[in-house]
PDB file of N, CA and C in Angstrom:
ATOM      1  N   MET A   1       0.835  -1.188   0.000  1.00  0.00           N
ATOM      2  CA  MET A   1       0.000   0.000   0.000  1.00  0.00           C
ATOM      3  C   MET A   1       0.878   1.249   0.000  1.00  0.00           C
ATOM      4  N   ALA A   2       0.290   2.343  -0.425  1.00  0.00           N
ATOM      5  CA  ALA A   2       1.015   3.609  -0.451  1.00  0.00           C
ATOM      6  C   ALA A   2       1.388   4.007   0.975  1.00  0.00           C
ATOM      7  N   LYS A   3       2.561   4.563   1.112  1.00  0.00           N
ATOM      8  CA  LYS A   3       3.013   5.039   2.422  1.00  0.00           C
ATOM      9  C   LYS A   3       2.383   6.400   2.684  1.00  0.00           C
ATOM     10  N   ALA A   4       2.387   6.816   3.941  1.00  0.00           N
ATOM     11  CA  ALA A   4       1.815   8.107   4.307  1.00  0.00           C
ATOM     12  C   ALA A   4       2.404   9.201   3.420  1.00  0.00           C
ATOM     13  N   GLY A   5       1.536  10.054   2.898  1.00  0.00           N
ATOM     14  CA  GLY A   5       1.982  11.142   2.050  1.00  0.00           C
ATOM     15  C   GLY A   5       2.100  10.780   0.578  1.00  0.00           C
ATOM     16  N   GLU A   6       2.122   9.504   0.259  1.00  0.00           N
ATOM     17  CA  GLU A   6       2.210   9.077  -1.138  1.00  0.00           C
ATOM     18  C   GLU A   6       0.813   8.879  -1.710  1.00  0.00           C
ATOM     19  N   ALA A   7       0.712   9.042  -3.010  1.00  0.00           N
ATOM     20  CA  ALA A   7      -0.563   8.815  -3.675  1.00  0.00           C
ATOM     21  C   ALA A   7      -0.872   7.327  -3.709  1.00  0.00           C
ATOM     22  N   LEU A   8      -2.127   6.997  -3.567  1.00  0.00           N
ATOM     23  CA  LEU A   8      -2.584   5.630  -3.739  1.00  0.00           C
ATOM     24  C   LEU A   8      -2.717   5.411  -5.240  1.00  0.00           C
ATOM     25  N   ASN A   9      -2.013   4.430  -5.766  1.00  0.00           N
ATOM     26  CA  ASN A   9      -2.038   4.165  -7.204  1.00  0.00           C
ATOM     27  C   ASN A   9      -3.121   3.162  -7.541  1.00  0.00           C
ATOM     28  N   VAL A  10      -4.072   3.602  -8.345  1.00  0.00           N
ATOM     29  CA  VAL A  10      -5.229   2.796  -8.706  1.00  0.00           C
ATOM     30  C   VAL A  10      -5.254   2.614 -10.226  1.00  0.00           C
ATOM     31  N   LEU A  11      -5.491   1.382 -10.659  1.00  0.00           N
ATOM     32  CA  LEU A  11      -5.625   1.086 -12.081  1.00  0.00           C
ATOM     33  C   LEU A  11      -7.013   0.531 -12.335  1.00  0.00           C
ATOM     34  N   LEU A  12      -7.718   1.137 -13.287  1.00  0.00           N
ATOM     35  CA  LEU A  12      -9.025   0.634 -13.717  1.00  0.00           C
ATOM     36  C   LEU A  12      -8.819  -0.069 -15.041  1.00  0.00           C
ATOM     37  N   ILE A  13      -9.454  -1.214 -15.188  1.00  0.00           N
ATOM     38  CA  ILE A  13      -9.372  -1.892 -16.475  1.00  0.00           C
ATOM     39  C   ILE A  13     -10.754  -2.255 -17.003  1.00  0.00           C
ATOM     40  N   CYS A  14     -10.859  -2.179 -18.319  1.00  0.00           N
ATOM     41  CA  CYS A  14     -12.045  -2.689 -19.012  1.00  0.00           C
ATOM     42  C   CYS A  14     -11.520  -3.316 -20.294  1.00  0.00           C
ATOM     43  N   GLY A  15     -12.372  -3.688 -21.182  1.00  0.00           N
ATOM     44  CA  GLY A  15     -11.922  -4.355 -22.396  1.00  0.00           C
ATOM     45  C   GLY A  15     -10.932  -3.539 -23.206  1.00  0.00           C
ATOM     46  N   SER A  16     -11.322  -2.335 -23.595  1.00  0.00           N
ATOM     47  CA  SER A  16     -10.462  -1.523 -24.456  1.00  0.00           C
ATOM     48  C   SER A  16      -9.861  -0.333 -23.736  1.00  0.00           C
ATOM     49  N   GLY A  17     -10.407   0.012 -22.591  1.00  0.00           N
ATOM     50  CA  GLY A  17      -9.923   1.171 -21.863  1.00  0.00           C
ATOM     51  C   GLY A  17     -10.806   2.396 -22.042  1.00  0.00           C
ATOM     52  N   ALA A  18     -11.818   2.303 -22.902  1.00  0.00           N
ATOM     53  CA  ALA A  18     -12.658   3.475 -23.176  1.00  0.00           C
ATOM     54  C   ALA A  18     -13.597   3.814 -22.016  1.00  0.00           C
ATOM     55  N   SER A  19     -14.466   2.899 -21.640  1.00  0.00           N
ATOM     56  CA  SER A  19     -15.411   3.213 -20.563  1.00  0.00           C
ATOM     57  C   SER A  19     -14.690   3.409 -19.236  1.00  0.00           C
ATOM     58  N   SER A  20     -13.598   2.690 -19.018  1.00  0.00           N
ATOM     59  CA  SER A  20     -12.871   2.874 -17.763  1.00  0.00           C
ATOM     60  C   SER A  20     -12.197   4.246 -17.725  1.00  0.00           C
ATOM     61  N   GLY A  21     -11.920   4.822 -18.895  1.00  0.00           N
ATOM     62  CA  GLY A  21     -11.353   6.172 -18.932  1.00  0.00           C
ATOM     63  C   GLY A  21     -12.323   7.188 -18.357  1.00  0.00           C
ATOM     64  N   PHE A  22     -13.590   7.062 -18.711  1.00  0.00           N
ATOM     65  CA  PHE A  22     -14.614   7.952 -18.158  1.00  0.00           C
ATOM     66  C   PHE A  22     -14.783   7.701 -16.663  1.00  0.00           C
ATOM     67  N   MET A  23     -14.784   6.435 -16.273  1.00  0.00           N
ATOM     68  CA  MET A  23     -14.924   6.106 -14.855  1.00  0.00           C
ATOM     69  C   MET A  23     -13.726   6.636 -14.060  1.00  0.00           C
ATOM     70  N   ALA A  24     -12.537   6.509 -14.622  1.00  0.00           N
ATOM     71  CA  ALA A  24     -11.338   7.009 -13.942  1.00  0.00           C
ATOM     72  C   ALA A  24     -11.435   8.518 -13.737  1.00  0.00           C
ATOM     73  N   ALA A  25     -11.907   9.234 -14.747  1.00  0.00           N
ATOM     74  CA  ALA A  25     -12.060  10.688 -14.632  1.00  0.00           C
ATOM     75  C   ALA A  25     -13.034  11.032 -13.508  1.00  0.00           C
ATOM     76  N   ASN A  26     -14.141  10.300 -13.433  1.00  0.00           N
ATOM     77  CA  ASN A  26     -15.130  10.558 -12.391  1.00  0.00           C
ATOM     78  C   ASN A  26     -14.601  10.167 -11.011  1.00  0.00           C
ATOM     79  N   LEU A  27     -13.805   9.117 -10.957  1.00  0.00           N
ATOM     80  CA  LEU A  27     -13.167   8.724  -9.688  1.00  0.00           C
ATOM     81  C   LEU A  27     -12.173   9.795  -9.240  1.00  0.00           C
ATOM     82  N   ARG A  28     -11.390  10.323 -10.173  1.00  0.00           N
ATOM     83  CA  ARG A  28     -10.438  11.383  -9.838  1.00  0.00           C
ATOM     84  C   ARG A  28     -11.161  12.593  -9.260  1.00  0.00           C
ATOM     85  N   LYS A  29     -12.296  12.975  -9.873  1.00  0.00           N
ATOM     86  CA  LYS A  29     -13.079  14.112  -9.368  1.00  0.00           C
ATOM     87  C   LYS A  29     -13.578  13.830  -7.953  1.00  0.00           C
ATOM     88  N   ALA A  30     -14.082  12.613  -7.737  1.00  0.00           N
ATOM     89  CA  ALA A  30     -14.607  12.247  -6.415  1.00  0.00           C
ATOM     90  C   ALA A  30     -13.488  12.255  -5.367  1.00  0.00           C
ATOM     91  N   ALA A  31     -12.319  11.733  -5.727  1.00  0.00           N
ATOM     92  CA  ALA A  31     -11.186  11.695  -4.795  1.00  0.00           C
ATOM     93  C   ALA A  31     -10.698  13.102  -4.476  1.00  0.00           C
ATOM     94  N   LYS A  32     -10.645  13.955  -5.491  1.00  0.00           N
ATOM     95  CA  LYS A  32     -10.194  15.329  -5.285  1.00  0.00           C
ATOM     96  C   LYS A  32     -11.147  16.082  -4.369  1.00  0.00           C
ATOM     97  N   LYS A  33     -12.442  15.860  -4.577  1.00  0.00           N
ATOM     98  CA  LYS A  33     -13.460  16.509  -3.759  1.00  0.00           C
ATOM     99  C   LYS A  33     -13.303  16.134  -2.277  1.00  0.00           C
ATOM    100  N   ARG A  34     -12.828  14.918  -2.040  1.00  0.00           N
ATOM    101  CA  ARG A  34     -12.637  14.437  -0.663  1.00  0.00           C
ATOM    102  C   ARG A  34     -11.199  14.633  -0.176  1.00  0.00           C
ATOM    103  N   ASN A  35     -10.401  15.337  -0.958  1.00  0.00           N
ATOM    104  CA  ASN A  35      -8.992  15.581  -0.631  1.00  0.00           C
ATOM    105  C   ASN A  35      -8.196  14.297  -0.433  1.00  0.00           C
ATOM    106  N   LEU A  36      -8.474  13.300  -1.258  1.00  0.00           N
ATOM    107  CA  LEU A  36      -7.735  12.038  -1.205  1.00  0.00           C
ATOM    108  C   LEU A  36      -6.630  12.069  -2.252  1.00  0.00           C
ATOM    109  N   ASN A  37      -5.454  11.622  -1.875  1.00  0.00           N
ATOM    110  CA  ASN A  37      -4.305  11.625  -2.772  1.00  0.00           C
ATOM    111  C   ASN A  37      -4.279  10.303  -3.535  1.00  0.00           C
ATOM    112  N   MET A  38      -4.821  10.326  -4.736  1.00  0.00           N
ATOM    113  CA  MET A  38      -4.893   9.109  -5.548  1.00  0.00           C
ATOM    114  C   MET A  38      -4.424   9.391  -6.966  1.00  0.00           C
ATOM    115  N   ASP A  39      -3.693   8.453  -7.524  1.00  0.00           N
ATOM    116  CA  ASP A  39      -3.303   8.495  -8.930  1.00  0.00           C
ATOM    117  C   ASP A  39      -4.112   7.396  -9.610  1.00  0.00           C
ATOM    118  N   ILE A  40      -5.047   7.779 -10.446  1.00  0.00           N
ATOM    119  CA  ILE A  40      -5.988   6.828 -11.041  1.00  0.00           C
ATOM    120  C   ILE A  40      -5.794   6.792 -12.553  1.00  0.00           C
ATOM    121  N   LYS A  41      -5.452   5.606 -13.053  1.00  0.00           N
ATOM    122  CA  LYS A  41      -5.242   5.407 -14.485  1.00  0.00           C
ATOM    123  C   LYS A  41      -6.261   4.405 -15.009  1.00  0.00           C
ATOM    124  N   ALA A  42      -6.534   4.486 -16.295  1.00  0.00           N
ATOM    125  CA  ALA A  42      -7.418   3.520 -16.952  1.00  0.00           C
ATOM    126  C   ALA A  42      -6.665   2.898 -18.118  1.00  0.00           C
ATOM    127  N   ARG A  43      -6.751   1.586 -18.212  1.00  0.00           N
ATOM    128  CA  ARG A  43      -6.080   0.861 -19.289  1.00  0.00           C
ATOM    129  C   ARG A  43      -6.955  -0.311 -19.721  1.00  0.00           C
ATOM    130  N   GLY A  44      -6.577  -0.920 -20.824  1.00  0.00           N
ATOM    131  CA  GLY A  44      -7.237  -2.132 -21.279  1.00  0.00           C
ATOM    132  C   GLY A  44      -6.710  -3.323 -20.491  1.00  0.00           C
ATOM    133  N   GLU A  45      -7.474  -4.397 -20.440  1.00  0.00           N
ATOM    134  CA  GLU A  45      -7.110  -5.571 -19.635  1.00  0.00           C
ATOM    135  C   GLU A  45      -5.753  -6.165 -20.008  1.00  0.00           C
ATOM    136  N   ALA A  46      -5.354  -6.037 -21.270  1.00  0.00           N
ATOM    137  CA  ALA A  46      -4.094  -6.630 -21.721  1.00  0.00           C
ATOM    138  C   ALA A  46      -2.878  -5.973 -21.073  1.00  0.00           C
ATOM    139  N   GLU A  47      -3.081  -4.817 -20.457  1.00  0.00           N
ATOM    140  CA  GLU A  47      -1.952  -4.074 -19.888  1.00  0.00           C
ATOM    141  C   GLU A  47      -1.741  -4.294 -18.394  1.00  0.00           C
ATOM    142  N   ILE A  48      -2.546  -5.124 -17.762  1.00  0.00           N
ATOM    143  CA  ILE A  48      -2.440  -5.321 -16.313  1.00  0.00           C
ATOM    144  C   ILE A  48      -1.012  -5.643 -15.886  1.00  0.00           C
ATOM    145  N   GLU A  49      -0.399  -6.593 -16.564  1.00  0.00           N
ATOM    146  CA  GLU A  49       0.937  -7.041 -16.154  1.00  0.00           C
ATOM    147  C   GLU A  49       1.963  -5.918 -16.196  1.00  0.00           C
ATOM    148  N   ASN A  50       1.775  -4.931 -17.065  1.00  0.00           N
ATOM    149  CA  ASN A  50       2.707  -3.809 -17.155  1.00  0.00           C
ATOM    150  C   ASN A  50       2.659  -2.916 -15.926  1.00  0.00           C
ATOM    151  N   TYR A  51       1.554  -2.955 -15.185  1.00  0.00           N
ATOM    152  CA  TYR A  51       1.348  -2.026 -14.077  1.00  0.00           C
ATOM    153  C   TYR A  51       1.311  -2.696 -12.703  1.00  0.00           C
ATOM    154  N   ILE A  52       1.253  -4.001 -12.662  1.00  0.00           N
ATOM    155  CA  ILE A  52       0.980  -4.724 -11.422  1.00  0.00           C
ATOM    156  C   ILE A  52       1.959  -4.378 -10.286  1.00  0.00           C
ATOM    157  N   GLN A  53       3.208  -4.086 -10.621  1.00  0.00           N
ATOM    158  CA  GLN A  53       4.202  -3.778  -9.592  1.00  0.00           C
ATOM    159  C   GLN A  53       4.106  -2.353  -9.058  1.00  0.00           C
ATOM    160  N   GLU A  54       3.368  -1.486  -9.741  1.00  0.00           N
ATOM    161  CA  GLU A  54       3.324  -0.090  -9.310  1.00  0.00           C
ATOM    162  C   GLU A  54       1.969   0.368  -8.792  1.00  0.00           C
ATOM    163  N   ILE A  55       1.022  -0.550  -8.646  1.00  0.00           N
ATOM    164  CA  ILE A  55      -0.308  -0.140  -8.186  1.00  0.00           C
ATOM    165  C   ILE A  55      -0.628  -0.700  -6.805  1.00  0.00           C
ATOM    166  N   ASP A  56      -1.573  -0.016  -6.139  1.00  0.00           N
ATOM    167  CA  ASP A  56      -2.067  -0.452  -4.831  1.00  0.00           C
ATOM    168  C   ASP A  56      -3.430  -1.119  -4.958  1.00  0.00           C
ATOM    169  N   ALA A  57      -4.187  -0.702  -5.968  1.00  0.00           N
ATOM    170  CA  ALA A  57      -5.537  -1.238  -6.150  1.00  0.00           C
ATOM    171  C   ALA A  57      -5.837  -1.388  -7.636  1.00  0.00           C
ATOM    172  N   LEU A  58      -6.585  -2.435  -7.946  1.00  0.00           N
ATOM    173  CA  LEU A  58      -6.989  -2.730  -9.314  1.00  0.00           C
ATOM    174  C   LEU A  58      -8.503  -2.836  -9.349  1.00  0.00           C
ATOM    175  N   LEU A  59      -9.128  -1.948 -10.114  1.00  0.00           N
ATOM    176  CA  LEU A  59     -10.574  -1.970 -10.267  1.00  0.00           C
ATOM    177  C   LEU A  59     -10.893  -2.575 -11.626  1.00  0.00           C
ATOM    178  N   VAL A  60     -11.743  -3.591 -11.607  1.00  0.00           N
ATOM    179  CA  VAL A  60     -12.039  -4.368 -12.815  1.00  0.00           C
ATOM    180  C   VAL A  60     -13.481  -4.117 -13.241  1.00  0.00           C
ATOM    181  N   GLY A  61     -13.653  -3.790 -14.520  1.00  0.00           N
ATOM    182  CA  GLY A  61     -15.003  -3.593 -15.053  1.00  0.00           C
ATOM    183  C   GLY A  61     -15.842  -4.843 -14.855  1.00  0.00           C
ATOM    184  N   PRO A  62     -17.117  -4.687 -14.514  1.00  0.00           N
ATOM    185  CA  PRO A  62     -17.977  -5.838 -14.221  1.00  0.00           C
ATOM    186  C   PRO A  62     -18.097  -6.832 -15.368  1.00  0.00           C
ATOM    187  N   HIS A  63     -17.942  -6.355 -16.601  1.00  0.00           N
ATOM    188  CA  HIS A  63     -18.048  -7.233 -17.765  1.00  0.00           C
ATOM    189  C   HIS A  63     -16.814  -8.125 -17.910  1.00  0.00           C
ATOM    190  N   LEU A  64     -15.805  -7.924 -17.065  1.00  0.00           N
ATOM    191  CA  LEU A  64     -14.600  -8.759 -17.102  1.00  0.00           C
ATOM    192  C   LEU A  64     -14.568  -9.781 -15.960  1.00  0.00           C
ATOM    193  N   ALA A  65     -15.712 -10.023 -15.351  1.00  0.00           N
ATOM    194  CA  ALA A  65     -15.781 -10.985 -14.242  1.00  0.00           C
ATOM    195  C   ALA A  65     -15.186 -12.335 -14.650  1.00  0.00           C
ATOM    196  N   TYR A  66     -15.317 -12.678 -15.922  1.00  0.00           N
ATOM    197  CA  TYR A  66     -14.841 -13.985 -16.401  1.00  0.00           C
ATOM    198  C   TYR A  66     -13.315 -14.135 -16.344  1.00  0.00           C
ATOM    199  N   ILE A  67     -12.566 -13.037 -16.185  1.00  0.00           N
ATOM    200  CA  ILE A  67     -11.102 -13.163 -16.092  1.00  0.00           C
ATOM    201  C   ILE A  67     -10.588 -12.945 -14.667  1.00  0.00           C
ATOM    202  N   MET A  68     -11.494 -12.924 -13.696  1.00  0.00           N
ATOM    203  CA  MET A  68     -11.079 -12.664 -12.306  1.00  0.00           C
ATOM    204  C   MET A  68     -10.100 -13.716 -11.794  1.00  0.00           C
ATOM    205  N   ASP A  69     -10.258 -14.976 -12.188  1.00  0.00           N
ATOM    206  CA  ASP A  69      -9.311 -16.010 -11.754  1.00  0.00           C
ATOM    207  C   ASP A  69      -7.899 -15.678 -12.243  1.00  0.00           C
ATOM    208  N   ASP A  70      -7.793 -15.252 -13.494  1.00  0.00           N
ATOM    209  CA  ASP A  70      -6.491 -14.874 -14.053  1.00  0.00           C
ATOM    210  C   ASP A  70      -5.912 -13.669 -13.312  1.00  0.00           C
ATOM    211  N   ILE A  71      -6.756 -12.703 -13.020  1.00  0.00           N
ATOM    212  CA  ILE A  71      -6.304 -11.492 -12.322  1.00  0.00           C
ATOM    213  C   ILE A  71      -5.846 -11.841 -10.913  1.00  0.00           C
ATOM    214  N   ASN A  72      -6.612 -12.680 -10.233  1.00  0.00           N
ATOM    215  CA  ASN A  72      -6.229 -13.076  -8.870  1.00  0.00           C
ATOM    216  C   ASN A  72      -4.903 -13.830  -8.872  1.00  0.00           C
ATOM    217  N   GLU A  73      -4.675 -14.608  -9.913  1.00  0.00           N
ATOM    218  CA  GLU A  73      -3.405 -15.315 -10.053  1.00  0.00           C
ATOM    219  C   GLU A  73      -2.247 -14.323 -10.234  1.00  0.00           C
ATOM    220  N   LEU A  74      -2.480 -13.320 -11.056  1.00  0.00           N
ATOM    221  CA  LEU A  74      -1.469 -12.290 -11.308  1.00  0.00           C
ATOM    222  C   LEU A  74      -1.115 -11.500 -10.055  1.00  0.00           C
ATOM    223  N   THR A  75      -2.099 -11.291  -9.201  1.00  0.00           N
ATOM    224  CA  THR A  75      -1.896 -10.423  -8.035  1.00  0.00           C
ATOM    225  C   THR A  75      -1.656 -11.183  -6.738  1.00  0.00           C
ATOM    226  N   GLN A  76      -1.648 -12.518  -6.777  1.00  0.00           N
ATOM    227  CA  GLN A  76      -1.587 -13.295  -5.536  1.00  0.00           C
ATOM    228  C   GLN A  76      -0.336 -13.045  -4.698  1.00  0.00           C
ATOM    229  N   ASP A  77       0.794 -12.722  -5.326  1.00  0.00           N
ATOM    230  CA  ASP A  77       2.029 -12.479  -4.576  1.00  0.00           C
ATOM    231  C   ASP A  77       2.308 -10.996  -4.405  1.00  0.00           C
ATOM    232  N   THR A  78       1.266 -10.182  -4.488  1.00  0.00           N
ATOM    233  CA  THR A  78       1.417  -8.738  -4.345  1.00  0.00           C
ATOM    234  C   THR A  78       0.490  -8.247  -3.237  1.00  0.00           C
ATOM    235  N   ASP A  79       0.597  -6.963  -2.917  1.00  0.00           N
ATOM    236  CA  ASP A  79      -0.307  -6.341  -1.940  1.00  0.00           C
ATOM    237  C   ASP A  79      -1.470  -5.637  -2.625  1.00  0.00           C
ATOM    238  N   VAL A  80      -1.621  -5.874  -3.925  1.00  0.00           N
ATOM    239  CA  VAL A  80      -2.656  -5.191  -4.697  1.00  0.00           C
ATOM    240  C   VAL A  80      -4.046  -5.670  -4.274  1.00  0.00           C
ATOM    241  N   LYS A  81      -4.907  -4.698  -3.939  1.00  0.00           N
ATOM    242  CA  LYS A  81      -6.310  -5.015  -3.635  1.00  0.00           C
ATOM    243  C   LYS A  81      -7.054  -5.049  -4.965  1.00  0.00           C
ATOM    244  N   VAL A  82      -7.790  -6.116  -5.193  1.00  0.00           N
ATOM    245  CA  VAL A  82      -8.534  -6.265  -6.447  1.00  0.00           C
ATOM    246  C   VAL A  82     -10.024  -6.139  -6.145  1.00  0.00           C
ATOM    247  N   LEU A  83     -10.696  -5.327  -6.938  1.00  0.00           N
ATOM    248  CA  LEU A  83     -12.120  -5.103  -6.733  1.00  0.00           C
ATOM    249  C   LEU A  83     -12.850  -5.196  -8.071  1.00  0.00           C
ATOM    250  N   LEU A  84     -13.803  -6.107  -8.143  1.00  0.00           N
ATOM    251  CA  LEU A  84     -14.679  -6.197  -9.309  1.00  0.00           C
ATOM    252  C   LEU A  84     -15.763  -5.140  -9.111  1.00  0.00           C
ATOM    253  N   MET A  85     -15.762  -4.146  -9.980  1.00  0.00           N
ATOM    254  CA  MET A  85     -16.724  -3.050  -9.819  1.00  0.00           C
ATOM    255  C   MET A  85     -18.147  -3.545 -10.025  1.00  0.00           C
ATOM    256  N   LYS A  86     -19.070  -2.893  -9.356  1.00  0.00           N
ATOM    257  CA  LYS A  86     -20.477  -3.281  -9.430  1.00  0.00           C
ATOM    258  C   LYS A  86     -21.132  -2.638 -10.655  1.00  0.00           C
ATOM    259  N   PRO A  87     -21.950  -3.418 -11.365  1.00  0.00           N
ATOM    260  CA  PRO A  87     -22.642  -2.862 -12.538  1.00  0.00           C
ATOM    261  C   PRO A  87     -23.486  -1.638 -12.189  1.00  0.00           C
ATOM    262  N   SER A  88     -24.014  -1.583 -10.951  1.00  0.00           N
ATOM    263  CA  SER A  88     -24.900  -0.481 -10.568  1.00  0.00           C
ATOM    264  C   SER A  88     -24.227   0.880 -10.708  1.00  0.00           C
ATOM    265  N   TYR A  89     -22.958   0.996 -10.333  1.00  0.00           N
ATOM    266  CA  TYR A  89     -22.302   2.293 -10.499  1.00  0.00           C
ATOM    267  C   TYR A  89     -21.432   2.356 -11.750  1.00  0.00           C
ATOM    268  N   TYR A  90     -20.977   1.219 -12.245  1.00  0.00           N
ATOM    269  CA  TYR A  90     -20.148   1.240 -13.454  1.00  0.00           C
ATOM    270  C   TYR A  90     -20.975   1.679 -14.658  1.00  0.00           C
ATOM    271  N   SER A  91     -22.198   1.188 -14.745  1.00  0.00           N
ATOM    272  CA  SER A  91     -23.049   1.500 -15.905  1.00  0.00           C
ATOM    273  C   SER A  91     -23.412   2.978 -15.963  1.00  0.00           C
ATOM    274  N   THR A  92     -23.413   3.651 -14.810  1.00  0.00           N
ATOM    275  CA  THR A  92     -23.741   5.082 -14.776  1.00  0.00           C
ATOM    276  C   THR A  92     -22.485   5.927 -14.594  1.00  0.00           C
ATOM    277  N   LEU A  93     -21.306   5.275 -14.551  1.00  0.00           N
ATOM    278  CA  LEU A  93     -20.019   5.952 -14.362  1.00  0.00           C
ATOM    279  C   LEU A  93     -20.031   6.825 -13.102  1.00  0.00           C
ATOM    280  N   ASP A  94     -20.626   6.286 -12.034  1.00  0.00           N
ATOM    281  CA  ASP A  94     -20.758   7.003 -10.763  1.00  0.00           C
ATOM    282  C   ASP A  94     -19.454   6.908  -9.967  1.00  0.00           C
ATOM    283  N   GLY A  95     -18.614   7.930 -10.097  1.00  0.00           N
ATOM    284  CA  GLY A  95     -17.315   7.944  -9.427  1.00  0.00           C
ATOM    285  C   GLY A  95     -17.415   7.939  -7.909  1.00  0.00           C
ATOM    286  N   GLU A  96     -18.441   8.620  -7.379  1.00  0.00           N
ATOM    287  CA  GLU A  96     -18.619   8.660  -5.918  1.00  0.00           C
ATOM    288  C   GLU A  96     -18.879   7.257  -5.364  1.00  0.00           C
ATOM    289  N   ALA A  97     -19.798   6.533  -5.991  1.00  0.00           N
ATOM    290  CA  ALA A  97     -20.132   5.174  -5.530  1.00  0.00           C
ATOM    291  C   ALA A  97     -18.937   4.239  -5.708  1.00  0.00           C
ATOM    292  N   ALA A  98     -18.203   4.398  -6.812  1.00  0.00           N
ATOM    293  CA  ALA A  98     -17.028   3.562  -7.050  1.00  0.00           C
ATOM    294  C   ALA A  98     -15.965   3.838  -5.996  1.00  0.00           C
ATOM    295  N   LEU A  99     -15.787   5.108  -5.641  1.00  0.00           N
ATOM    296  CA  LEU A  99     -14.813   5.474  -4.619  1.00  0.00           C
ATOM    297  C   LEU A  99     -15.219   4.902  -3.260  1.00  0.00           C
ATOM    298  N   ASP A 100     -16.500   4.987  -2.937  1.00  0.00           N
ATOM    299  CA  ASP A 100     -16.989   4.391  -1.681  1.00  0.00           C
ATOM    300  C   ASP A 100     -16.664   2.903  -1.637  1.00  0.00           C
ATOM    301  N   ASP A 101     -16.935   2.211  -2.741  1.00  0.00           N
ATOM    302  CA  ASP A 101     -16.684   0.770  -2.817  1.00  0.00           C
ATOM    303  C   ASP A 101     -15.188   0.482  -2.653  1.00  0.00           C
ATOM    304  N   LEU A 102     -14.356   1.272  -3.320  1.00  0.00           N
ATOM    305  CA  LEU A 102     -12.910   1.090  -3.223  1.00  0.00           C
ATOM    306  C   LEU A 102     -12.418   1.325  -1.794  1.00  0.00           C
ATOM    307  N   LEU A 103     -12.878   2.400  -1.173  1.00  0.00           N
ATOM    308  CA  LEU A 103     -12.442   2.704   0.194  1.00  0.00           C
ATOM    309  C   LEU A 103     -12.882   1.631   1.174  1.00  0.00           C
ATOM    310  N   ASN A 104     -14.091   1.100   0.980  1.00  0.00           N
ATOM    311  CA  ASN A 104     -14.557  -0.006   1.830  1.00  0.00           C
ATOM    312  C   ASN A 104     -13.647  -1.221   1.677  1.00  0.00           C
ATOM    313  N   GLU A 105     -13.248  -1.507   0.452  1.00  0.00           N
ATOM    314  CA  GLU A 105     -12.372  -2.653   0.173  1.00  0.00           C
ATOM    315  C   GLU A 105     -10.985  -2.421   0.806  1.00  0.00           C
ATOM    316  N   LEU A 106     -10.460  -1.236   0.677  1.00  0.00           N
ATOM    317  CA  LEU A 106      -9.135  -0.913   1.206  1.00  0.00           C
ATOM    318  C   LEU A 106      -9.097  -0.924   2.731  1.00  0.00           C
ATOM    319  N   ASN A 107     -10.199  -0.498   3.336  1.00  0.00           N
ATOM    320  CA  ASN A 107     -10.256  -0.400   4.796  1.00  0.00           C
ATOM    321  C   ASN A 107     -10.813  -1.643   5.460  1.00  0.00           C
ATOM    322  N   GLY A 108     -11.347  -2.562   4.625  1.00  0.00           N
ATOM    323  CA  GLY A 108     -12.018  -3.741   5.168  1.00  0.00           C
ATOM    324  C   GLY A 108     -11.107  -4.833   5.391  1.00  0.00           C
TER     325      GLY A 108
END
């Protein structure tokens, strides 16, 4: 996890990176509004391995539930928290709800 004073590095993934880009933007706005220090990037699923060593949390688009076993395998020897985003807020790109879900996962 990020050390005190460091940004929490979060990676969002979806199939191509398009919808997660909008979600990442909304998450950044929500985090900024709450004065949370987060670096939030959006990428396509094929890029997970490129980022796995530099992230604290991985948010996965709900439509990628079928690759969760592969993702869990990739992250098993890391401290990365993995969260399958809920369709309820992903479909509406609700950054506030996504941030709540992420914070619950990180603190739980």
